[in-house]
């Protein structure tokens, strides 16, 4: 007989025995207690996953996360299954999977392909919590970002922003593939990879590849299409001081006829540090 069936039979026996002596409310509470106690003994992973989902306080969540992290890899399939049942959007389960680290990476890479966008976002965010441990997922995440809808930078999807954030957290291994993807991307998608690099290359060596990235974005500031100029200014703002050679171009962009180009250029200049002093007259 399966474990779950045995638990149900024991609970049913308890309810029958106690129903004649106590009120229904007390009987229900007792039945719930017996179920949880028995589950804790015979299947601690399922017990703590349930506790995590039902926790009403931060301390309750932390206690469940600590227990599941201690259980380790056996907890991963249960957490993924729970996330699917909930349809994603479970911060507690994401946090737990992120703390489990490398053992959870294969299951999360599979979950990233789920048709539910909420599930995809949660899997991507869990990978981001792992930092370097998630490096096997770089190629998959880069491909997803290539396929993403670029949006208008004010209404991009949650999944797109989660992809950018996670890739930026993984480590220096992401710089080369993100740079290659940026140089090969079409004009509308270029800013996505610039945003990834902007989260990763702060203080990093200004490599020839990054010089090529900045040169591409500077040229794009002169493009005839508004959307391309908007993307270029946004990408330069994401790169921050790494793109300081673009300051003259950004100063000129402050007079662009398109409001979004001017706004993004202003934000980009604000992230350039003391080297942007020459821009002050153009901002007044």
Protein backbone atom coordinates (compact mmCIF):
# COMPACT_ATOMS: atom_id res chain seq x y z
CA UNK A 1 0.00 0.00 0.00
CA UNK A 2 1.30 3.46 -0.89
CA UNK A 3 2.41 5.79 1.88
CA UNK A 4 -0.24 8.37 1.04
CA UNK A 5 -2.99 5.74 1.22
CA UNK A 6 -1.81 4.59 4.64
CA UNK A 7 -1.88 8.16 5.89
CA UNK A 8 -5.42 8.68 4.62
CA UNK A 9 -6.64 5.47 6.28
CA UNK A 10 -5.07 6.44 9.61
CA UNK A 11 -6.63 9.89 9.45
CA UNK A 12 -10.02 8.39 8.59
CA UNK A 13 -9.79 6.02 11.57
CA UNK A 14 -8.87 8.95 13.82
CA UNK A 15 -11.84 10.99 12.61
CA UNK A 16 -14.28 8.10 13.13
CA UNK A 17 -13.00 7.37 16.64
CA UNK A 18 -13.03 10.99 17.76
CA UNK A 19 -16.18 12.26 16.06
CA UNK A 20 -18.43 10.86 18.76
CA UNK A 21 -16.58 12.56 21.60
CA UNK A 22 -15.60 15.99 20.28
CA UNK A 23 -17.04 18.69 18.06
CA UNK A 24 -16.30 18.70 14.31
CA UNK A 25 -13.93 21.68 14.54
CA UNK A 26 -11.68 19.96 17.06
CA UNK A 27 -11.81 16.75 15.06
CA UNK A 28 -10.67 18.57 11.89
CA UNK A 29 -7.79 20.22 13.75
CA UNK A 30 -6.75 16.89 15.22
CA UNK A 31 -6.91 15.19 11.84
CA UNK A 32 -4.70 17.88 10.30
CA UNK A 33 -2.21 17.50 13.14
CA UNK A 34 -2.06 13.72 12.74
CA UNK A 35 -1.60 14.05 8.96
CA UNK A 36 1.29 16.50 9.32
CA UNK A 37 2.95 14.50 12.09
CA UNK A 38 2.79 11.28 10.11
CA UNK A 39 3.98 12.99 6.91
CA UNK A 40 6.91 14.52 8.80
CA UNK A 41 8.00 11.05 9.87
CA UNK A 42 7.60 9.12 6.62
CA UNK A 43 8.16 11.83 3.96
CA UNK A 44 9.99 14.87 5.38
CA UNK A 45 10.55 16.41 1.93
CA UNK A 46 6.83 16.65 1.16
CA UNK A 47 6.20 17.82 4.71
CA UNK A 48 8.60 20.75 4.44
CA UNK A 49 7.43 21.69 0.93
CA UNK A 50 3.91 21.92 2.35
CA UNK A 51 5.17 23.95 5.30
CA UNK A 52 6.94 26.31 2.91
CA UNK A 53 3.77 26.85 0.88
CA UNK A 54 1.60 27.40 3.95
CA UNK A 55 4.02 29.51 6.02
CA UNK A 56 2.37 32.67 7.33
CA UNK A 57 5.52 34.40 8.60
CA UNK A 58 9.04 35.12 7.38
CA UNK A 59 10.45 32.94 10.15
CA UNK A 60 8.21 30.06 9.10
CA UNK A 61 9.45 30.42 5.52
CA UNK A 62 13.08 30.54 6.62
CA UNK A 63 12.64 27.44 8.77
CA UNK A 64 11.17 25.48 5.84
CA UNK A 65 13.88 26.71 3.44
CA UNK A 66 16.63 25.68 5.89
CA UNK A 67 15.10 22.21 6.22
CA UNK A 68 14.76 21.71 2.45
CA UNK A 69 18.28 22.96 1.74
CA UNK A 70 19.51 20.46 4.35
CA UNK A 71 17.59 17.67 2.57
CA UNK A 72 19.37 18.71 -0.63
CA UNK A 73 18.90 17.27 -4.16
CA UNK A 74 15.97 14.96 -3.24
CA UNK A 75 13.92 18.11 -2.56
CA UNK A 76 14.35 19.50 -6.10
CA UNK A 77 11.67 17.47 -7.97
CA UNK A 78 9.14 18.13 -5.19
CA UNK A 79 9.80 21.88 -5.33
CA UNK A 80 9.56 21.96 -9.14
CA UNK A 81 6.31 19.96 -9.02
CA UNK A 82 4.88 22.36 -6.43
CA UNK A 83 5.88 25.33 -8.54
CA UNK A 84 4.06 23.82 -11.53
CA UNK A 85 0.94 23.12 -9.46
CA UNK A 86 0.92 26.74 -8.32
CA UNK A 87 1.46 27.98 -11.88
CA UNK A 88 4.62 29.80 -10.81
CA UNK A 89 4.70 33.07 -8.85
CA UNK A 90 5.99 31.48 -5.63
CA UNK A 91 8.78 33.58 -4.13
CA UNK A 92 9.37 31.06 -1.33
CA UNK A 93 9.97 28.12 -3.68
CA UNK A 94 12.19 30.25 -5.96
CA UNK A 95 14.30 31.27 -2.96
CA UNK A 96 14.65 27.65 -1.85
CA UNK A 97 15.64 26.39 -5.31
CA UNK A 98 18.17 29.20 -5.60
CA UNK A 99 19.81 28.18 -2.32
CA UNK A 100 20.00 24.53 -3.38
CA UNK A 101 22.49 25.58 -6.07
CA UNK A 102 24.02 23.27 -8.68
CA UNK A 103 21.81 20.20 -8.02
CA UNK A 104 18.75 22.23 -9.03
CA UNK A 105 20.19 23.60 -12.30
CA UNK A 106 19.10 20.77 -14.67
CA UNK A 107 15.51 20.80 -13.37
CA UNK A 108 15.35 24.59 -13.59
CA UNK A 109 16.71 24.57 -17.15
CA UNK A 110 13.88 22.22 -18.04
CA UNK A 111 11.37 24.42 -16.21
CA UNK A 112 12.55 27.45 -18.19
CA UNK A 113 10.93 25.81 -21.21
CA UNK A 114 7.53 25.59 -19.52
CA UNK A 115 4.71 27.18 -21.57
CA UNK A 116 3.56 29.18 -18.53
CA UNK A 117 5.39 32.57 -18.49
CA UNK A 118 5.10 32.78 -14.68
CA UNK A 119 6.81 29.40 -14.36
CA UNK A 120 9.51 30.48 -16.81
CA UNK A 121 10.19 33.67 -14.85
CA UNK A 122 10.39 31.83 -11.53
CA UNK A 123 12.85 29.29 -12.96
CA UNK A 124 14.98 32.09 -14.44
CA UNK A 125 14.98 34.02 -11.14
CA UNK A 126 15.98 30.89 -9.19
CA UNK A 127 18.96 30.47 -11.54
CA UNK A 128 19.89 34.10 -10.91
CA UNK A 129 20.03 33.47 -7.15
CA UNK A 130 22.72 30.82 -7.74
CA UNK A 131 25.23 33.16 -9.38
CA UNK A 132 28.19 31.24 -10.82
CA UNK A 133 26.57 27.85 -10.11
CA UNK A 134 24.07 28.57 -12.90
CA UNK A 135 26.74 28.93 -15.62
CA UNK A 136 25.59 25.73 -17.46
CA UNK A 137 22.39 27.63 -18.28
CA UNK A 138 24.09 30.59 -20.03
CA UNK A 139 23.55 29.35 -23.59
CA UNK A 140 19.89 28.58 -22.93
CA UNK A 141 19.25 31.98 -21.33
CA UNK A 142 21.06 33.82 -24.16
CA UNK A 143 18.89 31.99 -26.70
CA UNK A 144 15.74 32.94 -24.78
CA UNK A 145 16.81 36.57 -24.76
CA UNK A 146 17.46 36.43 -28.52
CA UNK A 147 13.89 35.19 -28.97
CA UNK A 148 12.40 37.75 -26.58
CA UNK A 149 10.16 40.56 -27.70
CA UNK A 150 12.30 43.69 -27.27
CA UNK A 151 9.39 45.94 -26.25
CA UNK A 152 9.68 49.69 -25.94
CA UNK A 153 11.86 49.72 -22.77
CA UNK A 154 8.95 50.99 -20.67
CA UNK A 155 6.71 47.94 -21.03
CA UNK A 156 9.04 44.98 -21.56
CA UNK A 157 7.88 41.66 -20.18
CA UNK A 158 8.77 40.45 -16.72
CA UNK A 159 10.45 37.41 -18.29
CA UNK A 160 12.71 39.60 -20.44
CA UNK A 161 13.82 41.66 -17.45
CA UNK A 162 14.37 38.48 -15.38
CA UNK A 163 16.57 37.08 -18.16
CA UNK A 164 18.66 40.27 -18.25
CA UNK A 165 19.00 40.30 -14.46
CA UNK A 166 19.91 36.62 -14.18
CA UNK A 167 22.51 36.69 -16.96
CA UNK A 168 24.07 39.72 -15.31
CA UNK A 169 24.42 37.81 -12.02
CA UNK A 170 25.95 34.57 -13.28
CA UNK A 171 29.55 35.70 -13.65
CA UNK A 172 32.24 36.80 -16.10
CA UNK A 173 31.55 33.73 -18.27
CA UNK A 174 28.53 35.58 -19.64
CA UNK A 175 30.52 38.51 -21.10
CA UNK A 176 31.80 36.78 -24.26
CA UNK A 177 28.51 35.16 -25.37
CA UNK A 178 26.50 38.29 -24.52
CA UNK A 179 28.95 40.45 -26.48
CA UNK A 180 28.76 38.13 -29.49
CA UNK A 181 24.96 38.12 -29.28
CA UNK A 182 24.86 41.92 -29.13
CA UNK A 183 27.05 42.33 -32.19
CA UNK A 184 24.89 39.88 -34.15
CA UNK A 185 21.53 41.13 -32.87
CA UNK A 186 19.19 43.22 -34.95
CA UNK A 187 18.75 46.86 -34.03
CA UNK A 188 15.64 46.29 -31.93
CA UNK A 189 17.24 43.56 -29.79
CA UNK A 190 20.67 45.13 -29.32
CA UNK A 191 19.78 46.98 -26.14
CA UNK A 192 18.81 43.70 -24.40
CA UNK A 193 22.38 42.38 -24.50
CA UNK A 194 23.82 45.79 -23.70
CA UNK A 195 21.69 45.70 -20.55
CA UNK A 196 23.13 42.28 -19.63
CA UNK A 197 26.68 43.56 -20.13
CA UNK A 198 25.89 46.68 -18.15
CA UNK A 199 25.11 44.53 -15.13
CA UNK A 200 28.26 42.47 -15.58
CA UNK A 201 31.13 44.66 -16.79
CA UNK A 202 31.18 47.46 -14.21
CA UNK A 203 34.84 47.86 -13.41
CA UNK A 204 35.78 45.07 -15.84
CA UNK A 205 38.64 45.41 -18.31
CA UNK A 206 37.54 47.33 -21.38
CA UNK A 207 38.22 44.60 -23.91
CA UNK A 208 38.29 45.00 -27.71
CA UNK A 209 34.94 43.21 -27.81
CA UNK A 210 33.39 45.80 -25.52
CA UNK A 211 34.95 48.58 -27.56
CA UNK A 212 33.15 47.11 -30.57
CA UNK A 213 29.88 47.03 -28.59
CA UNK A 214 30.16 50.70 -27.68
CA UNK A 215 31.08 51.62 -31.25
CA UNK A 216 27.98 49.80 -32.54
CA UNK A 217 25.74 51.64 -30.09
CA UNK A 218 27.31 55.02 -30.86
CA UNK A 219 26.67 54.51 -34.56
CA UNK A 220 23.10 53.46 -33.81
CA UNK A 221 22.45 56.85 -32.16
CA UNK A 222 22.53 58.31 -35.69
CA UNK A 223 20.05 55.82 -37.15
CA UNK A 224 16.99 57.09 -39.02
CA UNK A 225 14.58 54.89 -37.02
CA UNK A 226 13.45 56.29 -33.67
CA UNK A 227 13.26 52.81 -32.10
CA UNK A 228 16.91 52.11 -32.96
CA UNK A 229 18.12 55.39 -31.44
CA UNK A 230 16.02 54.72 -28.32
CA UNK A 231 17.59 51.24 -28.03
CA UNK A 232 21.11 52.59 -28.52
CA UNK A 233 20.75 55.23 -25.81
CA UNK A 234 19.25 52.66 -23.44
CA UNK A 235 22.09 50.23 -24.14
CA UNK A 236 24.71 52.90 -23.43
CA UNK A 237 22.98 53.77 -20.17
CA UNK A 238 23.14 50.09 -19.19
CA UNK A 239 26.88 49.99 -19.86
CA UNK A 240 27.50 53.05 -17.68
CA UNK A 241 31.10 54.26 -17.34
CA UNK A 242 32.28 51.47 -19.62
CA UNK A 243 30.73 53.50 -22.44
CA UNK A 244 32.28 56.84 -21.48
CA UNK A 245 33.70 57.26 -25.01
CA UNK A 246 30.07 57.81 -26.11
CA UNK A 247 29.65 60.96 -24.00
CA UNK A 248 29.92 63.37 -26.99
CA UNK A 249 27.34 61.32 -28.90
CA UNK A 250 25.00 61.28 -25.91
CA UNK A 251 25.33 65.04 -25.48
CA UNK A 252 24.22 65.47 -29.09
CA UNK A 253 21.38 63.01 -28.46
CA UNK A 254 20.01 65.39 -25.80
CA UNK A 255 18.73 67.46 -28.75
CA UNK A 256 17.15 64.49 -30.54
CA UNK A 257 13.57 65.19 -31.70
CA UNK A 258 12.36 62.01 -29.97
CA UNK A 259 11.53 62.35 -26.27
CA UNK A 260 12.55 58.76 -25.40
CA UNK A 261 15.95 59.18 -27.03
CA UNK A 262 16.55 62.37 -25.03
CA UNK A 263 15.40 60.70 -21.80
CA UNK A 264 17.63 57.64 -22.28
CA UNK A 265 20.59 59.81 -23.25
CA UNK A 266 20.12 61.85 -20.08
CA UNK A 267 20.01 58.68 -17.96
CA UNK A 268 23.12 57.36 -19.72
CA UNK A 269 25.05 60.56 -19.04
CA UNK A 270 24.01 60.40 -15.40
CA UNK A 271 25.72 57.02 -15.15
CA UNK A 272 29.03 58.15 -16.61
CA UNK A 273 30.40 59.68 -13.41
CA UNK A 274 32.67 62.73 -13.23
CA UNK A 275 33.63 62.41 -16.90
CA UNK A 276 30.25 63.81 -17.87
CA UNK A 277 30.97 67.33 -16.57
CA UNK A 278 31.12 68.61 -20.14
CA UNK A 279 27.46 67.68 -20.55
CA UNK A 280 26.22 70.14 -17.94
CA UNK A 281 25.68 73.08 -20.36
CA UNK A 282 23.60 70.84 -22.62
CA UNK A 283 21.41 69.78 -19.70
CA UNK A 284 20.49 73.33 -18.68
